[in-house]
Amino acid sequence: MIFMSEENTVISIGPENAGKRLDVCLKDLFPDHSRSFFSNLIGQGLITVNGDPKKDSYKVSAGDEISIRFPQPKEIDVTAQNIPLDILYEDRDILIVNKPKGMVVHPAPGHEDNTLVNAILYHCGDSLSGINGEKRPGIVHRIDRDTTGSLIICKNDKAHNAIAEQIKEHTVNRIYEGIVIGNIKNNEGTIDAPIARSKTDRKKMAIDPAGRRAVTHYRVLERFGAYTYCAFKLETGRTHQIRVHMASIGHPILGDPVYGPKKCPFKLEGQTLHAKTIGFIHPTTGIYVEFSAPLPEYFEKLLEKLRKNG
């Protein structure tokens, strides 16, 4: 039984849902929303069971009364700007763009405009998901300002929920390419090390046993003696994950002044890291789709220089 008011939605759990995880149960009862959506509401204290907050792993029982406060949609106050987009694919549900170096994904202090969000607002108008709030319409994941490559934009909440669920379940195929400093010993390997906000510098991330699990698989593509060109497959998607992981094994990303040397022998603006390929189940067709963004010109020229010098 579901009772809805202006403030809360109250559910009485029947025997058919008894024993399910709280987040799974809610996803089954409200199929337009994802498990991760409800997990976020639980974390914000917007969901209670019999008047008490519970973890998303709580097993519901018949007769439990669940109260949900669905967040109200906010008006978008970000300005649409006519900024050219490199579009890899577009349909009524999703937009895949190739983000250039130096572009911030969404507005933040110090970067209020000229962001990817400003650009997609101009391109898509009102056709964007609003789940991430007024500053991040359509954004289901992000890449760093100086990282280039493929990024998914969601045009409606259904698509957003479907992609967010795949990201949470680690089923989105994300392949990056980058150049690291030094000659990596093994041709391939896996870094499984938890990441958290640095305790000494809040602008940085760091390996921390108390952090969230983070897994990066790497494979050598080419060797240049002092540098190695690699492919990275993300199993998880923590902030600065590849940059932190590679620096932790003594091979920081070339051009990364945050986790590597402050000075770079090449004229680079930020790390040589590119989100090459992204693959996922399409939210409407249910078919696996995959898109690849070509390497930016500066990256190709650097590879040519390294090949000549090598």
C-alpha atoms as a PDB file:
ATOM      1  CA  MET A   1       0.000   0.000   0.000  1.00  0.00           C
ATOM      2  CA  ILE A   2       1.329   3.461  -0.934  1.00  0.00           C
ATOM      3  CA  PHE A   3       0.046   6.732   0.537  1.00  0.00           C
ATOM      4  CA  MET A   4       1.264  10.018  -0.949  1.00  0.00           C
ATOM      5  CA  SER A   5       1.073  13.502   0.571  1.00  0.00           C
ATOM      6  CA  GLU A   6       2.661  16.813  -0.466  1.00  0.00           C
ATOM      7  CA  GLU A   7       5.621  16.127   1.825  1.00  0.00           C
ATOM      8  CA  ASN A   8       6.046  12.373   2.225  1.00  0.00           C
ATOM      9  CA  THR A   9       5.292   9.115   0.467  1.00  0.00           C
ATOM     10  CA  VAL A  10       4.494   6.336   2.949  1.00  0.00           C
ATOM     11  CA  ILE A  11       4.643   2.647   2.013  1.00  0.00           C
ATOM     12  CA  SER A  12       3.445  -0.369   3.951  1.00  0.00           C
ATOM     13  CA  ILE A  13       5.557  -3.413   3.035  1.00  0.00           C
ATOM     14  CA  GLY A  14       3.651  -6.526   2.030  1.00  0.00           C
ATOM     15  CA  PRO A  15       4.846 -10.140   2.390  1.00  0.00           C
ATOM     16  CA  GLU A  16       5.880 -10.268  -1.291  1.00  0.00           C
ATOM     17  CA  ASN A  17       8.706  -7.808  -0.606  1.00  0.00           C
ATOM     18  CA  ALA A  18       9.799  -9.092   2.807  1.00  0.00           C
ATOM     19  CA  GLY A  19      13.485  -9.940   3.066  1.00  0.00           C
ATOM     20  CA  LYS A  20      14.643  -7.557   0.344  1.00  0.00           C
ATOM     21  CA  ARG A  21      17.300  -4.910   0.892  1.00  0.00           C
ATOM     22  CA  LEU A  22      15.730  -1.523   1.534  1.00  0.00           C
ATOM     23  CA  ASP A  23      17.190   0.091  -1.603  1.00  0.00           C
ATOM     24  CA  VAL A  24      16.271  -2.900  -3.788  1.00  0.00           C
ATOM     25  CA  CYS A  25      12.732  -2.996  -2.421  1.00  0.00           C
ATOM     26  CA  LEU A  26      12.214   0.691  -3.194  1.00  0.00           C
ATOM     27  CA  LYS A  27      13.641   0.301  -6.695  1.00  0.00           C
ATOM     28  CA  ASP A  28      11.156  -2.542  -7.319  1.00  0.00           C
ATOM     29  CA  LEU A  29       8.242  -0.462  -6.002  1.00  0.00           C
ATOM     30  CA  PHE A  30       9.285   2.652  -7.954  1.00  0.00           C
ATOM     31  CA  PRO A  31      10.764   1.311 -11.230  1.00  0.00           C
ATOM     32  CA  ASP A  32      11.258   4.834 -12.631  1.00  0.00           C
ATOM     33  CA  HIS A  33      14.026   5.336 -10.065  1.00  0.00           C
ATOM     34  CA  SER A  34      17.271   3.393  -9.612  1.00  0.00           C
ATOM     35  CA  ARG A  35      18.719   1.607  -6.628  1.00  0.00           C
ATOM     36  CA  SER A  36      21.487   4.219  -6.418  1.00  0.00           C
ATOM     37  CA  PHE A  37      18.849   6.995  -6.373  1.00  0.00           C
ATOM     38  CA  PHE A  38      17.246   5.484  -3.273  1.00  0.00           C
ATOM     39  CA  SER A  39      20.636   4.731  -1.746  1.00  0.00           C
ATOM     40  CA  ASN A  40      21.437   8.455  -1.999  1.00  0.00           C
ATOM     41  CA  LEU A  41      18.122   9.405  -0.375  1.00  0.00           C
ATOM     42  CA  ILE A  42      18.814   6.933   2.447  1.00  0.00           C
ATOM     43  CA  GLY A  43      22.255   8.491   2.951  1.00  0.00           C
ATOM     44  CA  GLN A  44      20.665  11.947   3.155  1.00  0.00           C
ATOM     45  CA  GLY A  45      18.226  10.803   5.839  1.00  0.00           C
ATOM     46  CA  LEU A  46      15.211  11.272   3.554  1.00  0.00           C
ATOM     47  CA  ILE A  47      13.970   7.706   4.089  1.00  0.00           C
ATOM     48  CA  THR A  48      12.937   6.153   7.408  1.00  0.00           C
ATOM     49  CA  VAL A  49      11.588   2.744   8.395  1.00  0.00           C
ATOM     50  CA  ASN A  50       9.028   2.780  11.190  1.00  0.00           C
ATOM     51  CA  GLY A  51      10.229   6.286  12.011  1.00  0.00           C
ATOM     52  CA  ASP A  52      13.920   5.370  12.235  1.00  0.00           C
ATOM     53  CA  PRO A  53      16.764   5.845   9.707  1.00  0.00           C
ATOM     54  CA  LYS A  54      18.195   2.615   8.301  1.00  0.00           C
ATOM     55  CA  LYS A  55      21.095   1.607   6.067  1.00  0.00           C
ATOM     56  CA  ASP A  56      20.391   0.712   2.435  1.00  0.00           C
ATOM     57  CA  SER A  57      21.296  -2.900   3.284  1.00  0.00           C
ATOM     58  CA  TYR A  58      18.486  -3.152   5.884  1.00  0.00           C
ATOM     59  CA  LYS A  59      16.228  -6.159   5.163  1.00  0.00           C
ATOM     60  CA  VAL A  60      12.603  -5.050   5.156  1.00  0.00           C
ATOM     61  CA  SER A  61       9.877  -7.020   6.912  1.00  0.00           C
ATOM     62  CA  ALA A  62       6.170  -7.381   6.195  1.00  0.00           C
ATOM     63  CA  GLY A  63       4.339  -4.556   7.930  1.00  0.00           C
ATOM     64  CA  ASP A  64       7.297  -2.145   7.877  1.00  0.00           C
ATOM     65  CA  GLU A  65       6.197   1.418   7.233  1.00  0.00           C
ATOM     66  CA  ILE A  66       8.626   3.289   5.002  1.00  0.00           C
ATOM     67  CA  SER A  67       8.466   7.068   4.709  1.00  0.00           C
ATOM     68  CA  ILE A  68      10.147   8.736   1.711  1.00  0.00           C
ATOM     69  CA  ARG A  69      10.742  12.439   1.179  1.00  0.00           C
ATOM     70  CA  PHE A  70      11.350  12.800  -2.558  1.00  0.00           C
ATOM     71  CA  PRO A  71      13.466  15.918  -3.256  1.00  0.00           C
ATOM     72  CA  GLN A  72      11.602  18.637  -5.110  1.00  0.00           C
ATOM     73  CA  PRO A  73      13.005  19.525  -8.565  1.00  0.00           C
ATOM     74  CA  LYS A  74      14.873  22.833  -8.646  1.00  0.00           C
ATOM     75  CA  GLU A  75      14.880  25.490 -11.303  1.00  0.00           C
ATOM     76  CA  ILE A  76      18.118  25.557 -13.270  1.00  0.00           C
ATOM     77  CA  ASP A  77      19.954  28.847 -12.733  1.00  0.00           C
ATOM     78  CA  VAL A  78      22.908  28.088 -14.998  1.00  0.00           C
ATOM     79  CA  THR A  79      23.168  30.144 -18.181  1.00  0.00           C
ATOM     80  CA  ALA A  80      23.064  28.388 -21.548  1.00  0.00           C
ATOM     81  CA  GLN A  81      26.073  29.311 -23.661  1.00  0.00           C
ATOM     82  CA  ASN A  82      26.687  28.688 -27.352  1.00  0.00           C
ATOM     83  CA  ILE A  83      29.880  26.668 -26.939  1.00  0.00           C
ATOM     84  CA  PRO A  84      30.722  24.155 -29.721  1.00  0.00           C
ATOM     85  CA  LEU A  85      30.369  20.500 -28.745  1.00  0.00           C
ATOM     86  CA  ASP A  86      32.222  17.548 -30.271  1.00  0.00           C
ATOM     87  CA  ILE A  87      29.281  15.115 -30.419  1.00  0.00           C
ATOM     88  CA  LEU A  88      30.079  11.425 -30.814  1.00  0.00           C
ATOM     89  CA  TYR A  89      26.446  10.237 -30.653  1.00  0.00           C
ATOM     90  CA  GLU A  90      22.982  11.581 -29.862  1.00  0.00           C
ATOM     91  CA  ASP A  91      19.416  10.285 -29.578  1.00  0.00           C
ATOM     92  CA  ARG A  92      16.344  11.174 -27.491  1.00  0.00           C
ATOM     93  CA  ASP A  93      17.834   9.651 -24.311  1.00  0.00           C
ATOM     94  CA  ILE A  94      21.572  10.266 -24.329  1.00  0.00           C
ATOM     95  CA  LEU A  95      24.275  12.496 -25.718  1.00  0.00           C
ATOM     96  CA  ILE A  96      27.900  11.318 -25.916  1.00  0.00           C
ATOM     97  CA  VAL A  97      30.419  14.138 -26.165  1.00  0.00           C
ATOM     98  CA  ASN A  98      34.184  14.309 -26.535  1.00  0.00           C
ATOM     99  CA  LYS A  99      35.195  16.774 -23.801  1.00  0.00           C
ATOM    100  CA  PRO A 100      38.174  18.988 -24.629  1.00  0.00           C
ATOM    101  CA  LYS A 101      41.118  19.718 -22.335  1.00  0.00           C
ATOM    102  CA  GLY A 102      40.624  22.645 -19.985  1.00  0.00           C
ATOM    103  CA  MET A 103      36.817  22.430 -19.841  1.00  0.00           C
ATOM    104  CA  VAL A 104      35.190  21.936 -16.431  1.00  0.00           C
ATOM    105  CA  VAL A 105      32.194  19.589 -16.511  1.00  0.00           C
ATOM    106  CA  HIS A 106      29.812  21.533 -14.241  1.00  0.00           C
ATOM    107  CA  PRO A 107      29.766  24.985 -12.588  1.00  0.00           C
ATOM    108  CA  ALA A 108      31.648  25.366  -9.307  1.00  0.00           C
ATOM    109  CA  PRO A 109      33.270  28.227  -7.402  1.00  0.00           C
ATOM    110  CA  GLY A 110      35.798  29.809  -9.736  1.00  0.00           C
ATOM    111  CA  HIS A 111      34.199  28.126 -12.780  1.00  0.00           C
ATOM    112  CA  GLU A 112      30.692  29.573 -12.980  1.00  0.00           C
ATOM    113  CA  ASP A 113      30.484  29.576 -16.777  1.00  0.00           C
ATOM    114  CA  ASN A 114      32.071  28.143 -19.954  1.00  0.00           C
ATOM    115  CA  THR A 115      31.536  24.662 -18.540  1.00  0.00           C
ATOM    116  CA  LEU A 116      30.219  21.578 -20.312  1.00  0.00           C
ATOM    117  CA  VAL A 117      26.867  22.101 -18.577  1.00  0.00           C
ATOM    118  CA  ASN A 118      26.592  25.612 -20.040  1.00  0.00           C
ATOM    119  CA  ALA A 119      27.234  24.120 -23.474  1.00  0.00           C
ATOM    120  CA  ILE A 120      24.765  21.227 -23.218  1.00  0.00           C
ATOM    121  CA  LEU A 121      22.049  23.534 -21.849  1.00  0.00           C
ATOM    122  CA  TYR A 122      22.323  25.535 -25.077  1.00  0.00           C
ATOM    123  CA  HIS A 123      22.367  22.384 -27.212  1.00  0.00           C
ATOM    124  CA  CYS A 124      19.616  20.425 -25.412  1.00  0.00           C
ATOM    125  CA  GLY A 125      17.411  23.150 -23.931  1.00  0.00           C
ATOM    126  CA  ASP A 126      15.003  21.637 -21.393  1.00  0.00           C
ATOM    127  CA  SER A 127      15.750  18.048 -22.476  1.00  0.00           C
ATOM    128  CA  LEU A 128      18.108  17.095 -19.647  1.00  0.00           C
ATOM    129  CA  SER A 129      17.820  14.997 -16.508  1.00  0.00           C
ATOM    130  CA  GLY A 130      17.534  16.952 -13.254  1.00  0.00           C
ATOM    131  CA  ILE A 131      18.489  14.322 -10.698  1.00  0.00           C
ATOM    132  CA  ASN A 132      21.871  15.849  -9.852  1.00  0.00           C
ATOM    133  CA  GLY A 133      20.348  19.261  -9.092  1.00  0.00           C
ATOM    134  CA  GLU A 134      20.363  22.730 -10.588  1.00  0.00           C
ATOM    135  CA  LYS A 135      24.104  22.945 -11.209  1.00  0.00           C
ATOM    136  CA  ARG A 136      24.518  19.562 -12.918  1.00  0.00           C
ATOM    137  CA  PRO A 137      21.616  18.892 -15.327  1.00  0.00           C
ATOM    138  CA  GLY A 138      22.234  15.790 -17.431  1.00  0.00           C
ATOM    139  CA  ILE A 139      25.483  14.904 -15.662  1.00  0.00           C
ATOM    140  CA  VAL A 140      25.652  11.262 -14.569  1.00  0.00           C
ATOM    141  CA  HIS A 141      29.465  11.040 -14.253  1.00  0.00           C
ATOM    142  CA  ARG A 142      32.392  13.378 -14.792  1.00  0.00           C
ATOM    143  CA  ILE A 143      36.034  13.595 -15.829  1.00  0.00           C
ATOM    144  CA  ASP A 144      38.652  16.081 -14.648  1.00  0.00           C
ATOM    145  CA  ARG A 145      39.094  19.493 -16.264  1.00  0.00           C
ATOM    146  CA  ASP A 146      42.358  18.565 -18.009  1.00  0.00           C
ATOM    147  CA  THR A 147      41.277  15.029 -18.915  1.00  0.00           C
ATOM    148  CA  THR A 148      39.796  14.739 -22.403  1.00  0.00           C
ATOM    149  CA  GLY A 149      37.404  12.244 -23.908  1.00  0.00           C
ATOM    150  CA  SER A 150      34.034  10.541 -23.895  1.00  0.00           C
ATOM    151  CA  LEU A 151      31.318  11.554 -21.455  1.00  0.00           C
ATOM    152  CA  ILE A 152      27.654  10.508 -21.191  1.00  0.00           C
ATOM    153  CA  ILE A 153      24.958  13.194 -20.892  1.00  0.00           C
ATOM    154  CA  CYS A 154      21.449  12.028 -19.933  1.00  0.00           C
ATOM    155  CA  LYS A 155      18.461  13.781 -21.487  1.00  0.00           C
ATOM    156  CA  ASN A 156      15.820  12.473 -19.077  1.00  0.00           C
ATOM    157  CA  ASP A 157      15.562  10.997 -15.587  1.00  0.00           C
ATOM    158  CA  LYS A 158      14.834   7.492 -16.873  1.00  0.00           C
ATOM    159  CA  ALA A 159      18.112   7.431 -18.794  1.00  0.00           C
ATOM    160  CA  HIS A 160      19.952   9.002 -15.852  1.00  0.00           C
ATOM    161  CA  ASN A 161      18.703   6.356 -13.436  1.00  0.00           C
ATOM    162  CA  ALA A 162      19.571   3.524 -15.821  1.00  0.00           C
ATOM    163  CA  ILE A 163      23.129   4.749 -16.444  1.00  0.00           C
ATOM    164  CA  ALA A 164      23.688   5.636 -12.762  1.00  0.00           C
ATOM    165  CA  GLU A 165      22.672   2.096 -11.789  1.00  0.00           C
ATOM    166  CA  GLN A 166      25.196   0.610 -14.233  1.00  0.00           C
ATOM    167  CA  ILE A 167      27.932   2.887 -12.904  1.00  0.00           C
ATOM    168  CA  LYS A 168      27.129   1.839  -9.340  1.00  0.00           C
ATOM    169  CA  GLU A 169      27.191  -1.838 -10.336  1.00  0.00           C
ATOM    170  CA  HIS A 170      30.556  -1.305 -12.135  1.00  0.00           C
ATOM    171  CA  THR A 171      29.170  -2.602 -15.441  1.00  0.00           C
ATOM    172  CA  VAL A 172      30.005   0.468 -17.546  1.00  0.00           C
ATOM    173  CA  ASN A 173      33.055  -0.251 -19.706  1.00  0.00           C
ATOM    174  CA  ARG A 174      35.461   2.680 -19.285  1.00  0.00           C
ATOM    175  CA  ILE A 175      38.839   2.597 -21.027  1.00  0.00           C
ATOM    176  CA  TYR A 176      41.296   5.486 -20.681  1.00  0.00           C
ATOM    177  CA  GLU A 177      44.640   6.029 -22.393  1.00  0.00           C
ATOM    178  CA  GLY A 178      47.522   7.945 -20.895  1.00  0.00           C
ATOM    179  CA  ILE A 179      51.261   8.409 -20.769  1.00  0.00           C
ATOM    180  CA  VAL A 180      53.019   7.752 -17.488  1.00  0.00           C
ATOM    181  CA  ILE A 181      56.483   8.746 -16.328  1.00  0.00           C
ATOM    182  CA  GLY A 182      58.999   5.898 -16.204  1.00  0.00           C
ATOM    183  CA  ASN A 183      59.224   2.440 -17.730  1.00  0.00           C
ATOM    184  CA  ILE A 184      56.602   0.201 -16.106  1.00  0.00           C
ATOM    185  CA  LYS A 185      58.086  -3.191 -15.269  1.00  0.00           C
ATOM    186  CA  ASN A 186      55.096  -5.403 -16.138  1.00  0.00           C
ATOM    187  CA  ASN A 187      53.098  -5.349 -19.367  1.00  0.00           C
ATOM    188  CA  GLU A 188      49.873  -5.370 -17.397  1.00  0.00           C
ATOM    189  CA  GLY A 189      48.672  -5.259 -13.827  1.00  0.00           C
ATOM    190  CA  THR A 190      45.966  -4.292 -11.375  1.00  0.00           C
ATOM    191  CA  ILE A 191      46.039  -1.676  -8.629  1.00  0.00           C
ATOM    192  CA  ASP A 192      43.533  -2.405  -5.861  1.00  0.00           C
ATOM    193  CA  ALA A 193      43.962   0.362  -3.289  1.00  0.00           C
ATOM    194  CA  PRO A 194      41.268   2.374  -1.453  1.00  0.00           C
ATOM    195  CA  ILE A 195      41.070   6.118  -2.069  1.00  0.00           C
ATOM    196  CA  ALA A 196      39.889   8.943   0.193  1.00  0.00           C
ATOM    197  CA  ARG A 197      40.270  12.695   0.522  1.00  0.00           C
ATOM    198  CA  SER A 198      43.832  13.575   1.553  1.00  0.00           C
ATOM    199  CA  LYS A 199      44.147  14.409   5.249  1.00  0.00           C
ATOM    200  CA  THR A 200      46.922  16.922   4.544  1.00  0.00           C
ATOM    201  CA  ASP A 201      45.582  18.604   1.383  1.00  0.00           C
ATOM    202  CA  ARG A 202      41.805  18.699   0.936  1.00  0.00           C
ATOM    203  CA  LYS A 203      42.165  19.434  -2.778  1.00  0.00           C
ATOM    204  CA  LYS A 204      43.860  16.085  -3.339  1.00  0.00           C
ATOM    205  CA  MET A 205      42.912  12.424  -3.037  1.00  0.00           C
ATOM    206  CA  ALA A 206      45.173   9.793  -1.492  1.00  0.00           C
ATOM    207  CA  ILE A 207      45.555   6.069  -0.869  1.00  0.00           C
ATOM    208  CA  ASP A 208      43.853   5.455   2.488  1.00  0.00           C
ATOM    209  CA  PRO A 209      42.969   2.091   4.108  1.00  0.00           C
ATOM    210  CA  ALA A 210      39.797   3.749   5.423  1.00  0.00           C
ATOM    211  CA  GLY A 211      38.815   5.003   1.961  1.00  0.00           C
ATOM    212  CA  ARG A 212      36.475   3.555  -0.645  1.00  0.00           C
ATOM    213  CA  ARG A 213      37.669   0.563  -2.656  1.00  0.00           C
ATOM    214  CA  ALA A 214      39.239   1.557  -5.958  1.00  0.00           C
ATOM    215  CA  VAL A 215      40.452  -0.796  -8.701  1.00  0.00           C
ATOM    216  CA  THR A 216      42.372   0.161 -11.849  1.00  0.00           C
ATOM    217  CA  HIS A 217      43.619  -2.329 -14.464  1.00  0.00           C
ATOM    218  CA  TYR A 218      46.482  -1.136 -16.679  1.00  0.00           C
ATOM    219  CA  ARG A 219      48.061  -2.480 -19.863  1.00  0.00           C
ATOM    220  CA  VAL A 220      51.175  -1.235 -21.670  1.00  0.00           C
ATOM    221  CA  LEU A 221      50.563  -0.069 -25.249  1.00  0.00           C
ATOM    222  CA  GLU A 222      54.026   1.324 -26.100  1.00  0.00           C
ATOM    223  CA  ARG A 223      57.311   1.913 -24.311  1.00  0.00           C
ATOM    224  CA  PHE A 224      59.516   4.971 -24.839  1.00  0.00           C
ATOM    225  CA  GLY A 225      62.235   4.355 -22.267  1.00  0.00           C
ATOM    226  CA  ALA A 226      61.549   7.233 -19.877  1.00  0.00           C
ATOM    227  CA  TYR A 227      57.787   7.102 -20.549  1.00  0.00           C
ATOM    228  CA  THR A 228      55.131   4.421 -21.059  1.00  0.00           C
ATOM    229  CA  TYR A 229      51.908   4.698 -23.056  1.00  0.00           C
ATOM    230  CA  CYS A 230      49.161   2.737 -21.308  1.00  0.00           C
ATOM    231  CA  ALA A 231      45.495   1.790 -21.423  1.00  0.00           C
ATOM    232  CA  PHE A 232      43.552   1.877 -18.151  1.00  0.00           C
ATOM    233  CA  LYS A 233      40.314   0.030 -17.462  1.00  0.00           C
ATOM    234  CA  LEU A 234      38.317   1.341 -14.535  1.00  0.00           C
ATOM    235  CA  GLU A 235      36.552  -1.168 -12.333  1.00  0.00           C
ATOM    236  CA  THR A 236      35.495   1.644  -9.997  1.00  0.00           C
ATOM    237  CA  GLY A 237      35.268   5.374 -10.582  1.00  0.00           C
ATOM    238  CA  ARG A 238      36.747   7.328  -7.686  1.00  0.00           C
ATOM    239  CA  THR A 239      37.831  10.951  -7.986  1.00  0.00           C
ATOM    240  CA  HIS A 240      41.319  11.198  -9.584  1.00  0.00           C
ATOM    241  CA  GLN A 241      41.490   7.384  -9.451  1.00  0.00           C
ATOM    242  CA  ILE A 242      43.941   6.709 -12.302  1.00  0.00           C
ATOM    243  CA  ARG A 243      46.115   9.671 -11.345  1.00  0.00           C
ATOM    244  CA  VAL A 244      46.340   8.612  -7.679  1.00  0.00           C
ATOM    245  CA  HIS A 245      46.835   4.917  -8.439  1.00  0.00           C
ATOM    246  CA  MET A 246      49.613   5.397 -10.983  1.00  0.00           C
ATOM    247  CA  ALA A 247      51.421   7.900  -8.752  1.00  0.00           C
ATOM    248  CA  SER A 248      51.177   5.373  -5.897  1.00  0.00           C
ATOM    249  CA  ILE A 249      53.293   2.838  -7.835  1.00  0.00           C
ATOM    250  CA  GLY A 250      55.871   5.441  -8.866  1.00  0.00           C
ATOM    251  CA  HIS A 251      54.516   6.137 -12.355  1.00  0.00           C
ATOM    252  CA  PRO A 252      52.470   9.372 -12.251  1.00  0.00           C
ATOM    253  CA  ILE A 253      50.640  10.555 -15.360  1.00  0.00           C
ATOM    254  CA  LEU A 254      52.882  12.759 -17.513  1.00  0.00           C
ATOM    255  CA  GLY A 255      51.937  16.421 -17.137  1.00  0.00           C
ATOM    256  CA  ASP A 256      50.095  15.953 -13.827  1.00  0.00           C
ATOM    257  CA  PRO A 257      51.410  18.692 -11.497  1.00  0.00           C
ATOM    258  CA  VAL A 258      49.201  17.547  -8.607  1.00  0.00           C
ATOM    259  CA  TYR A 259      50.353  13.945  -8.237  1.00  0.00           C
ATOM    260  CA  GLY A 260      53.581  14.103 -10.245  1.00  0.00           C
ATOM    261  CA  PRO A 261      56.534  16.474 -10.766  1.00  0.00           C
ATOM    262  CA  LYS A 262      55.695  20.179 -10.821  1.00  0.00           C
ATOM    263  CA  LYS A 263      57.865  20.703 -13.903  1.00  0.00           C
ATOM    264  CA  CYS A 264      57.217  18.942 -17.181  1.00  0.00           C
ATOM    265  CA  PRO A 265      59.793  18.604 -20.005  1.00  0.00           C
ATOM    266  CA  PHE A 266      57.008  19.115 -22.575  1.00  0.00           C
ATOM    267  CA  LYS A 267      54.717  22.102 -22.988  1.00  0.00           C
ATOM    268  CA  LEU A 268      51.590  20.506 -21.549  1.00  0.00           C
ATOM    269  CA  GLU A 269      48.613  21.945 -19.729  1.00  0.00           C
ATOM    270  CA  GLY A 270      47.616  19.206 -17.342  1.00  0.00           C
ATOM    271  CA  GLN A 271      47.836  15.428 -17.413  1.00  0.00           C
ATOM    272  CA  THR A 272      48.060  13.332 -20.579  1.00  0.00           C
ATOM    273  CA  LEU A 273      44.937  11.321 -19.847  1.00  0.00           C
ATOM    274  CA  HIS A 274      42.117  10.599 -22.290  1.00  0.00           C
ATOM    275  CA  ALA A 275      38.758   8.846 -21.736  1.00  0.00           C
ATOM    276  CA  LYS A 276      38.995   6.800 -24.918  1.00  0.00           C
ATOM    277  CA  THR A 277      36.074   4.359 -24.808  1.00  0.00           C
ATOM    278  CA  ILE A 278      32.788   4.125 -22.934  1.00  0.00           C
ATOM    279  CA  GLY A 279      30.325   1.241 -23.260  1.00  0.00           C
ATOM    280  CA  PHE A 280      27.023   0.533 -21.529  1.00  0.00           C
ATOM    281  CA  ILE A 281      23.528  -0.907 -21.923  1.00  0.00           C
ATOM    282  CA  HIS A 282      21.341   1.650 -23.697  1.00  0.00           C
ATOM    283  CA  PRO A 283      18.575   2.776 -21.294  1.00  0.00           C
ATOM    284  CA  THR A 284      15.787   2.301 -23.863  1.00  0.00           C
ATOM    285  CA  THR A 285      16.886  -0.401 -26.311  1.00  0.00           C
ATOM    286  CA  GLY A 286      18.597  -2.626 -23.743  1.00  0.00           C
ATOM    287  CA  ILE A 287      21.394  -3.203 -26.252  1.00  0.00           C
ATOM    288  CA  TYR A 288      25.086  -2.769 -25.380  1.00  0.00           C
ATOM    289  CA  VAL A 289      26.540   0.294 -27.124  1.00  0.00           C
ATOM    290  CA  GLU A 290      30.112   1.554 -27.188  1.00  0.00           C
ATOM    291  CA  PHE A 291      31.661   4.846 -28.256  1.00  0.00           C
ATOM    292  CA  SER A 292      35.270   5.929 -28.688  1.00  0.00           C
ATOM    293  CA  ALA A 293      36.706   9.442 -28.722  1.00  0.00           C
ATOM    294  CA  PRO A 294      39.781  10.034 -30.916  1.00  0.00           C
ATOM    295  CA  LEU A 295      42.936  11.185 -29.178  1.00  0.00           C
ATOM    296  CA  PRO A 296      43.292  14.982 -29.114  1.00  0.00           C
ATOM    297  CA  GLU A 297      45.823  16.544 -31.484  1.00  0.00           C
ATOM    298  CA  TYR A 298      48.299  17.495 -28.741  1.00  0.00           C
ATOM    299  CA  PHE A 299      48.323  13.863 -27.529  1.00  0.00           C
ATOM    300  CA  GLU A 300      48.965  12.474 -31.023  1.00  0.00           C
ATOM    301  CA  LYS A 301      51.814  14.934 -31.613  1.00  0.00           C
ATOM    302  CA  LEU A 302      53.392  14.043 -28.268  1.00  0.00           C
ATOM    303  CA  LEU A 303      53.259  10.349 -29.139  1.00  0.00           C
ATOM    304  CA  GLU A 304      54.943  11.082 -32.473  1.00  0.00           C
ATOM    305  CA  LYS A 305      57.708  13.013 -30.691  1.00  0.00           C
ATOM    306  CA  LEU A 306      58.252  10.221 -28.168  1.00  0.00           C
ATOM    307  CA  ARG A 307      58.405   7.616 -30.954  1.00  0.00           C
ATOM    308  CA  LYS A 308      61.072   9.639 -32.787  1.00  0.00           C
ATOM    309  CA  ASN A 309      63.098  10.205 -29.633  1.00  0.00           C
ATOM    310  CA  GLY A 310      62.692   6.594 -28.534  1.00  0.00           C
END
